[in-house]
């Protein structure tokens, strides 16, 4: 009986660990979020994820492939959840915008993730060697602005925004406010300060929309 137990124990110890893709992506996300794309090396990613380099290569091919997977993970875990605050038809326009901005502010200042916006943090020091990654981040920025424009278009159709308001300019303005909030959070601003920025933006809404 004892020999059988020892034999089973040896087999268990020798069994290879199962690669946890989502856990690896979350750890890699934190590293990219904190240090940016260029400053994060494959060695850093290996150390952070606990996976061997051949495992990461087999799963993601290279650092660029890993970053693209991390970007998709970020959108799923954070961006999509925030954007869902906008598209609640039961909320008045300004309430939906406030809730969206507050959700983003909480994310930017959370103790569970690095400060600021993942997209902005990873794009600030991109080199020419990362043109594909730069394009991917730029595309995601454009998608955020387009999401805001789509939200504003829906609310204009419901009569909550005057027909003469320029929705593209409004979306650009709101996107710039979000980027500024990210920089403030990166420099140490707390959630309350970011919510004050949100309140100021919403107070300006009548002037911004020509109401």
C-alpha atoms as a PDB file:
ATOM      1  CA  UNK A   1       0.000   0.000   0.000  1.00  0.00           C
ATOM      2  CA  UNK A   2       2.816   2.400   0.961  1.00  0.00           C
ATOM      3  CA  UNK A   3       4.675   1.799  -2.290  1.00  0.00           C
ATOM      4  CA  UNK A   4       1.479   2.481  -4.266  1.00  0.00           C
ATOM      5  CA  UNK A   5       0.965   5.823  -2.470  1.00  0.00           C
ATOM      6  CA  UNK A   6       4.570   6.826  -3.157  1.00  0.00           C
ATOM      7  CA  UNK A   7       4.172   5.868  -6.787  1.00  0.00           C
ATOM      8  CA  UNK A   8       1.019   7.968  -7.166  1.00  0.00           C
ATOM      9  CA  UNK A   9       2.721  10.884  -5.388  1.00  0.00           C
ATOM     10  CA  UNK A  10       5.651  10.759  -7.822  1.00  0.00           C
ATOM     11  CA  UNK A  11       3.269  10.751 -10.773  1.00  0.00           C
ATOM     12  CA  UNK A  12       1.426  13.804  -9.391  1.00  0.00           C
ATOM     13  CA  UNK A  13       4.654  15.689  -8.844  1.00  0.00           C
ATOM     14  CA  UNK A  14       5.798  14.943 -12.359  1.00  0.00           C
ATOM     15  CA  UNK A  15       2.599  16.123 -14.042  1.00  0.00           C
ATOM     16  CA  UNK A  16       3.195  19.362 -16.029  1.00  0.00           C
ATOM     17  CA  UNK A  17       1.343  22.496 -15.007  1.00  0.00           C
ATOM     18  CA  UNK A  18      -1.606  23.513 -17.162  1.00  0.00           C
ATOM     19  CA  UNK A  19      -1.060  26.898 -18.821  1.00  0.00           C
ATOM     20  CA  UNK A  20      -3.661  29.374 -17.540  1.00  0.00           C
ATOM     21  CA  UNK A  21      -4.064  31.726 -20.493  1.00  0.00           C
ATOM     22  CA  UNK A  22      -6.324  34.279 -18.796  1.00  0.00           C
ATOM     23  CA  UNK A  23      -4.152  34.502 -15.697  1.00  0.00           C
ATOM     24  CA  UNK A  24      -1.078  34.986 -17.881  1.00  0.00           C
ATOM     25  CA  UNK A  25      -2.834  37.720 -19.857  1.00  0.00           C
ATOM     26  CA  UNK A  26      -3.864  39.531 -16.675  1.00  0.00           C
ATOM     27  CA  UNK A  27      -0.294  39.472 -15.341  1.00  0.00           C
ATOM     28  CA  UNK A  28       1.100  40.624 -18.676  1.00  0.00           C
ATOM     29  CA  UNK A  29      -1.556  43.359 -18.801  1.00  0.00           C
ATOM     30  CA  UNK A  30      -0.403  44.759 -15.467  1.00  0.00           C
ATOM     31  CA  UNK A  31       3.177  44.867 -16.711  1.00  0.00           C
ATOM     32  CA  UNK A  32       2.319  46.596 -20.000  1.00  0.00           C
ATOM     33  CA  UNK A  33      -0.051  48.945 -18.169  1.00  0.00           C
ATOM     34  CA  UNK A  34       2.636  49.990 -15.710  1.00  0.00           C
ATOM     35  CA  UNK A  35       5.680  50.248 -17.978  1.00  0.00           C
ATOM     36  CA  UNK A  36       4.351  50.555 -21.533  1.00  0.00           C
ATOM     37  CA  UNK A  37       4.987  48.331 -24.521  1.00  0.00           C
ATOM     38  CA  UNK A  38       8.573  49.273 -25.363  1.00  0.00           C
ATOM     39  CA  UNK A  39       9.938  49.081 -21.825  1.00  0.00           C
ATOM     40  CA  UNK A  40       8.456  45.636 -21.172  1.00  0.00           C
ATOM     41  CA  UNK A  41      10.763  42.845 -22.310  1.00  0.00           C
ATOM     42  CA  UNK A  42       9.949  39.222 -22.982  1.00  0.00           C
ATOM     43  CA  UNK A  43      12.089  38.339 -19.963  1.00  0.00           C
ATOM     44  CA  UNK A  44       9.886  40.608 -17.835  1.00  0.00           C
ATOM     45  CA  UNK A  45       6.789  38.879 -19.201  1.00  0.00           C
ATOM     46  CA  UNK A  46       8.207  35.425 -18.525  1.00  0.00           C
ATOM     47  CA  UNK A  47       8.979  36.409 -14.938  1.00  0.00           C
ATOM     48  CA  UNK A  48       5.571  38.028 -14.392  1.00  0.00           C
ATOM     49  CA  UNK A  49       3.466  35.253 -15.901  1.00  0.00           C
ATOM     50  CA  UNK A  50       5.483  32.358 -14.511  1.00  0.00           C
ATOM     51  CA  UNK A  51       5.334  30.711 -17.930  1.00  0.00           C
ATOM     52  CA  UNK A  52       8.406  29.571 -19.811  1.00  0.00           C
ATOM     53  CA  UNK A  53       9.401  31.495 -22.929  1.00  0.00           C
ATOM     54  CA  UNK A  54       8.635  28.542 -25.265  1.00  0.00           C
ATOM     55  CA  UNK A  55       5.126  28.367 -23.785  1.00  0.00           C
ATOM     56  CA  UNK A  56       4.510  32.062 -24.457  1.00  0.00           C
ATOM     57  CA  UNK A  57       5.904  31.731 -27.967  1.00  0.00           C
ATOM     58  CA  UNK A  58       3.696  28.717 -28.658  1.00  0.00           C
ATOM     59  CA  UNK A  59       0.601  30.547 -27.422  1.00  0.00           C
ATOM     60  CA  UNK A  60       1.230  34.086 -28.719  1.00  0.00           C
ATOM     61  CA  UNK A  61       4.155  33.760 -31.224  1.00  0.00           C
ATOM     62  CA  UNK A  62       5.965  36.894 -29.988  1.00  0.00           C
ATOM     63  CA  UNK A  63       5.679  39.949 -27.742  1.00  0.00           C
ATOM     64  CA  UNK A  64       3.485  41.726 -30.271  1.00  0.00           C
ATOM     65  CA  UNK A  65       1.093  38.780 -30.375  1.00  0.00           C
ATOM     66  CA  UNK A  66       0.946  38.704 -26.590  1.00  0.00           C
ATOM     67  CA  UNK A  67       0.211  42.430 -26.469  1.00  0.00           C
ATOM     68  CA  UNK A  68      -2.607  42.082 -29.000  1.00  0.00           C
ATOM     69  CA  UNK A  69      -4.145  39.343 -26.853  1.00  0.00           C
ATOM     70  CA  UNK A  70      -3.728  41.569 -23.782  1.00  0.00           C
ATOM     71  CA  UNK A  71      -5.433  44.443 -25.615  1.00  0.00           C
ATOM     72  CA  UNK A  72      -8.429  42.217 -26.367  1.00  0.00           C
ATOM     73  CA  UNK A  73      -8.458  41.116 -22.734  1.00  0.00           C
ATOM     74  CA  UNK A  74      -8.421  44.748 -21.574  1.00  0.00           C
ATOM     75  CA  UNK A  75     -11.369  45.600 -23.805  1.00  0.00           C
ATOM     76  CA  UNK A  76     -13.321  42.629 -22.439  1.00  0.00           C
ATOM     77  CA  UNK A  77     -12.495  43.195 -18.778  1.00  0.00           C
ATOM     78  CA  UNK A  78     -12.650  46.973 -18.591  1.00  0.00           C
ATOM     79  CA  UNK A  79     -13.577  48.995 -21.676  1.00  0.00           C
ATOM     80  CA  UNK A  80     -16.709  47.023 -22.600  1.00  0.00           C
ATOM     81  CA  UNK A  81     -17.939  47.119 -19.012  1.00  0.00           C
ATOM     82  CA  UNK A  82     -17.489  50.898 -18.873  1.00  0.00           C
ATOM     83  CA  UNK A  83     -19.166  51.422 -22.230  1.00  0.00           C
ATOM     84  CA  UNK A  84     -22.166  49.443 -21.022  1.00  0.00           C
ATOM     85  CA  UNK A  85     -22.861  52.383 -18.696  1.00  0.00           C
ATOM     86  CA  UNK A  86     -23.550  54.539 -21.754  1.00  0.00           C
ATOM     87  CA  UNK A  87     -26.043  52.286 -23.445  1.00  0.00           C
ATOM     88  CA  UNK A  88     -28.627  51.970 -20.692  1.00  0.00           C
ATOM     89  CA  UNK A  89     -31.763  53.331 -22.334  1.00  0.00           C
ATOM     90  CA  UNK A  90     -33.456  53.865 -18.986  1.00  0.00           C
ATOM     91  CA  UNK A  91     -30.912  56.512 -17.952  1.00  0.00           C
ATOM     92  CA  UNK A  92     -31.194  60.151 -18.988  1.00  0.00           C
ATOM     93  CA  UNK A  93     -28.283  61.315 -21.155  1.00  0.00           C
ATOM     94  CA  UNK A  94     -26.331  63.155 -18.477  1.00  0.00           C
ATOM     95  CA  UNK A  95     -26.782  60.330 -15.979  1.00  0.00           C
ATOM     96  CA  UNK A  96     -25.420  57.836 -18.495  1.00  0.00           C
ATOM     97  CA  UNK A  97     -22.436  60.077 -19.228  1.00  0.00           C
ATOM     98  CA  UNK A  98     -21.810  60.648 -15.524  1.00  0.00           C
ATOM     99  CA  UNK A  99     -21.928  56.932 -14.746  1.00  0.00           C
ATOM    100  CA  UNK A 100     -19.592  56.178 -17.646  1.00  0.00           C
ATOM    101  CA  UNK A 101     -17.058  58.804 -16.585  1.00  0.00           C
ATOM    102  CA  UNK A 102     -17.276  57.690 -12.957  1.00  0.00           C
ATOM    103  CA  UNK A 103     -16.651  54.062 -13.958  1.00  0.00           C
ATOM    104  CA  UNK A 104     -13.613  55.149 -15.952  1.00  0.00           C
ATOM    105  CA  UNK A 105     -12.396  57.336 -13.067  1.00  0.00           C
ATOM    106  CA  UNK A 106     -12.658  54.394 -10.669  1.00  0.00           C
ATOM    107  CA  UNK A 107     -10.667  52.234 -13.078  1.00  0.00           C
ATOM    108  CA  UNK A 108      -7.969  54.889 -13.561  1.00  0.00           C
ATOM    109  CA  UNK A 109      -7.469  55.210  -9.801  1.00  0.00           C
ATOM    110  CA  UNK A 110      -8.051  51.615  -8.672  1.00  0.00           C
ATOM    111  CA  UNK A 111      -5.457  50.067  -6.363  1.00  0.00           C
ATOM    112  CA  UNK A 112      -5.915  46.779  -8.235  1.00  0.00           C
ATOM    113  CA  UNK A 113      -4.441  48.110 -11.495  1.00  0.00           C
ATOM    114  CA  UNK A 114      -1.758  50.650 -12.431  1.00  0.00           C
ATOM    115  CA  UNK A 115      -2.922  54.266 -12.505  1.00  0.00           C
ATOM    116  CA  UNK A 116      -4.344  55.765 -15.657  1.00  0.00           C
ATOM    117  CA  UNK A 117      -5.606  54.292 -18.908  1.00  0.00           C
ATOM    118  CA  UNK A 118      -4.020  51.120 -20.250  1.00  0.00           C
ATOM    119  CA  UNK A 119      -4.151  52.420 -23.831  1.00  0.00           C
ATOM    120  CA  UNK A 120      -2.586  55.782 -23.051  1.00  0.00           C
ATOM    121  CA  UNK A 121       0.076  54.330 -20.768  1.00  0.00           C
ATOM    122  CA  UNK A 122       1.180  51.796 -23.351  1.00  0.00           C
ATOM    123  CA  UNK A 123       1.261  54.271 -26.234  1.00  0.00           C
ATOM    124  CA  UNK A 124       3.202  57.171 -24.717  1.00  0.00           C
ATOM    125  CA  UNK A 125       6.674  55.849 -25.557  1.00  0.00           C
ATOM    126  CA  UNK A 126       6.154  53.725 -28.659  1.00  0.00           C
ATOM    127  CA  UNK A 127       9.163  53.612 -30.986  1.00  0.00           C
ATOM    128  CA  UNK A 128       9.234  53.295 -34.749  1.00  0.00           C
ATOM    129  CA  UNK A 129       9.901  49.583 -34.341  1.00  0.00           C
ATOM    130  CA  UNK A 130       6.376  49.178 -32.940  1.00  0.00           C
ATOM    131  CA  UNK A 131       4.371  50.624 -35.818  1.00  0.00           C
ATOM    132  CA  UNK A 132       1.931  47.699 -35.868  1.00  0.00           C
ATOM    133  CA  UNK A 133       1.276  48.051 -32.150  1.00  0.00           C
ATOM    134  CA  UNK A 134       0.955  51.819 -32.523  1.00  0.00           C
ATOM    135  CA  UNK A 135      -1.657  51.282 -35.224  1.00  0.00           C
ATOM    136  CA  UNK A 136      -3.544  48.796 -33.023  1.00  0.00           C
ATOM    137  CA  UNK A 137      -3.654  51.268 -30.131  1.00  0.00           C
ATOM    138  CA  UNK A 138      -4.631  54.131 -32.439  1.00  0.00           C
ATOM    139  CA  UNK A 139      -7.450  51.996 -33.827  1.00  0.00           C
ATOM    140  CA  UNK A 140      -8.724  51.288 -30.316  1.00  0.00           C
ATOM    141  CA  UNK A 141      -8.595  55.002 -29.463  1.00  0.00           C
ATOM    142  CA  UNK A 142     -10.617  55.698 -32.588  1.00  0.00           C
ATOM    143  CA  UNK A 143     -13.093  53.006 -31.555  1.00  0.00           C
ATOM    144  CA  UNK A 144     -13.571  54.683 -28.166  1.00  0.00           C
ATOM    145  CA  UNK A 145     -14.345  57.974 -29.872  1.00  0.00           C
ATOM    146  CA  UNK A 146     -16.677  56.239 -32.293  1.00  0.00           C
ATOM    147  CA  UNK A 147     -18.495  54.599 -29.383  1.00  0.00           C
ATOM    148  CA  UNK A 148     -19.070  58.013 -27.833  1.00  0.00           C
ATOM    149  CA  UNK A 149     -20.280  59.391 -31.171  1.00  0.00           C
ATOM    150  CA  UNK A 150     -22.686  56.470 -31.566  1.00  0.00           C
ATOM    151  CA  UNK A 151     -24.048  57.066 -28.068  1.00  0.00           C
ATOM    152  CA  UNK A 152     -24.546  60.771 -28.807  1.00  0.00           C
ATOM    153  CA  UNK A 153     -26.232  59.954 -32.104  1.00  0.00           C
ATOM    154  CA  UNK A 154     -28.713  57.680 -30.342  1.00  0.00           C
ATOM    155  CA  UNK A 155     -29.518  60.370 -27.796  1.00  0.00           C
ATOM    156  CA  UNK A 156     -29.871  63.016 -30.496  1.00  0.00           C
ATOM    157  CA  UNK A 157     -32.413  60.803 -32.247  1.00  0.00           C
ATOM    158  CA  UNK A 158     -34.327  60.644 -28.952  1.00  0.00           C
ATOM    159  CA  UNK A 159     -34.389  64.431 -28.790  1.00  0.00           C
ATOM    160  CA  UNK A 160     -31.944  64.789 -25.884  1.00  0.00           C
ATOM    161  CA  UNK A 161     -29.367  66.666 -27.989  1.00  0.00           C
ATOM    162  CA  UNK A 162     -30.248  69.548 -30.343  1.00  0.00           C
ATOM    163  CA  UNK A 163     -30.186  68.634 -34.024  1.00  0.00           C
ATOM    164  CA  UNK A 164     -27.638  71.375 -34.769  1.00  0.00           C
ATOM    165  CA  UNK A 165     -25.033  69.956 -32.346  1.00  0.00           C
ATOM    166  CA  UNK A 166     -21.860  68.604 -33.976  1.00  0.00           C
ATOM    167  CA  UNK A 167     -21.653  65.076 -32.580  1.00  0.00           C
ATOM    168  CA  UNK A 168     -18.187  64.351 -33.950  1.00  0.00           C
ATOM    169  CA  UNK A 169     -16.758  67.393 -32.202  1.00  0.00           C
ATOM    170  CA  UNK A 170     -18.561  66.445 -29.000  1.00  0.00           C
ATOM    171  CA  UNK A 171     -17.171  62.904 -29.131  1.00  0.00           C
ATOM    172  CA  UNK A 172     -13.657  64.263 -29.735  1.00  0.00           C
ATOM    173  CA  UNK A 173     -14.006  66.618 -26.786  1.00  0.00           C
ATOM    174  CA  UNK A 174     -15.219  63.891 -24.426  1.00  0.00           C
ATOM    175  CA  UNK A 175     -12.413  61.601 -25.570  1.00  0.00           C
ATOM    176  CA  UNK A 176      -9.853  64.311 -24.845  1.00  0.00           C
ATOM    177  CA  UNK A 177     -11.332  64.824 -21.366  1.00  0.00           C
ATOM    178  CA  UNK A 178     -10.909  61.096 -20.704  1.00  0.00           C
ATOM    179  CA  UNK A 179      -7.299  61.227 -21.862  1.00  0.00           C
ATOM    180  CA  UNK A 180      -6.648  64.172 -19.559  1.00  0.00           C
ATOM    181  CA  UNK A 181      -8.180  62.256 -16.662  1.00  0.00           C
ATOM    182  CA  UNK A 182      -5.809  59.379 -17.372  1.00  0.00           C
ATOM    183  CA  UNK A 183      -2.789  61.663 -17.236  1.00  0.00           C
ATOM    184  CA  UNK A 184      -4.016  63.225 -13.984  1.00  0.00           C
ATOM    185  CA  UNK A 185      -4.481  59.767 -12.451  1.00  0.00           C
ATOM    186  CA  UNK A 186      -0.989  58.775 -13.576  1.00  0.00           C
ATOM    187  CA  UNK A 187       0.342  61.850 -11.801  1.00  0.00           C
ATOM    188  CA  UNK A 188      -1.409  60.871  -8.576  1.00  0.00           C
ATOM    189  CA  UNK A 189      -4.898  62.368  -8.782  1.00  0.00           C
ATOM    190  CA  UNK A 190      -7.506  60.460  -6.809  1.00  0.00           C
ATOM    191  CA  UNK A 191     -10.967  59.351  -7.873  1.00  0.00           C
ATOM    192  CA  UNK A 192     -12.632  62.380  -6.248  1.00  0.00           C
ATOM    193  CA  UNK A 193     -10.582  64.774  -8.377  1.00  0.00           C
ATOM    194  CA  UNK A 194     -11.487  62.903 -11.544  1.00  0.00           C
ATOM    195  CA  UNK A 195     -15.145  63.026 -10.556  1.00  0.00           C
ATOM    196  CA  UNK A 196     -14.806  66.796 -10.129  1.00  0.00           C
ATOM    197  CA  UNK A 197     -13.521  66.981 -13.708  1.00  0.00           C
ATOM    198  CA  UNK A 198     -16.560  64.984 -14.765  1.00  0.00           C
ATOM    199  CA  UNK A 199     -18.884  67.368 -12.911  1.00  0.00           C
ATOM    200  CA  UNK A 200     -17.281  70.384 -14.604  1.00  0.00           C
ATOM    201  CA  UNK A 201     -17.643  68.742 -18.013  1.00  0.00           C
ATOM    202  CA  UNK A 202     -21.328  68.038 -17.432  1.00  0.00           C
ATOM    203  CA  UNK A 203     -21.962  71.598 -16.219  1.00  0.00           C
ATOM    204  CA  UNK A 204     -20.637  72.794 -19.574  1.00  0.00           C
ATOM    205  CA  UNK A 205     -23.020  70.508 -21.464  1.00  0.00           C
ATOM    206  CA  UNK A 206     -25.613  73.187 -22.396  1.00  0.00           C
ATOM    207  CA  UNK A 207     -22.871  75.330 -23.968  1.00  0.00           C
ATOM    208  CA  UNK A 208     -21.272  72.341 -25.691  1.00  0.00           C
ATOM    209  CA  UNK A 209     -24.548  71.277 -27.293  1.00  0.00           C
ATOM    210  CA  UNK A 210     -26.027  74.717 -27.952  1.00  0.00           C
ATOM    211  CA  UNK A 211     -28.982  74.189 -25.644  1.00  0.00           C
END
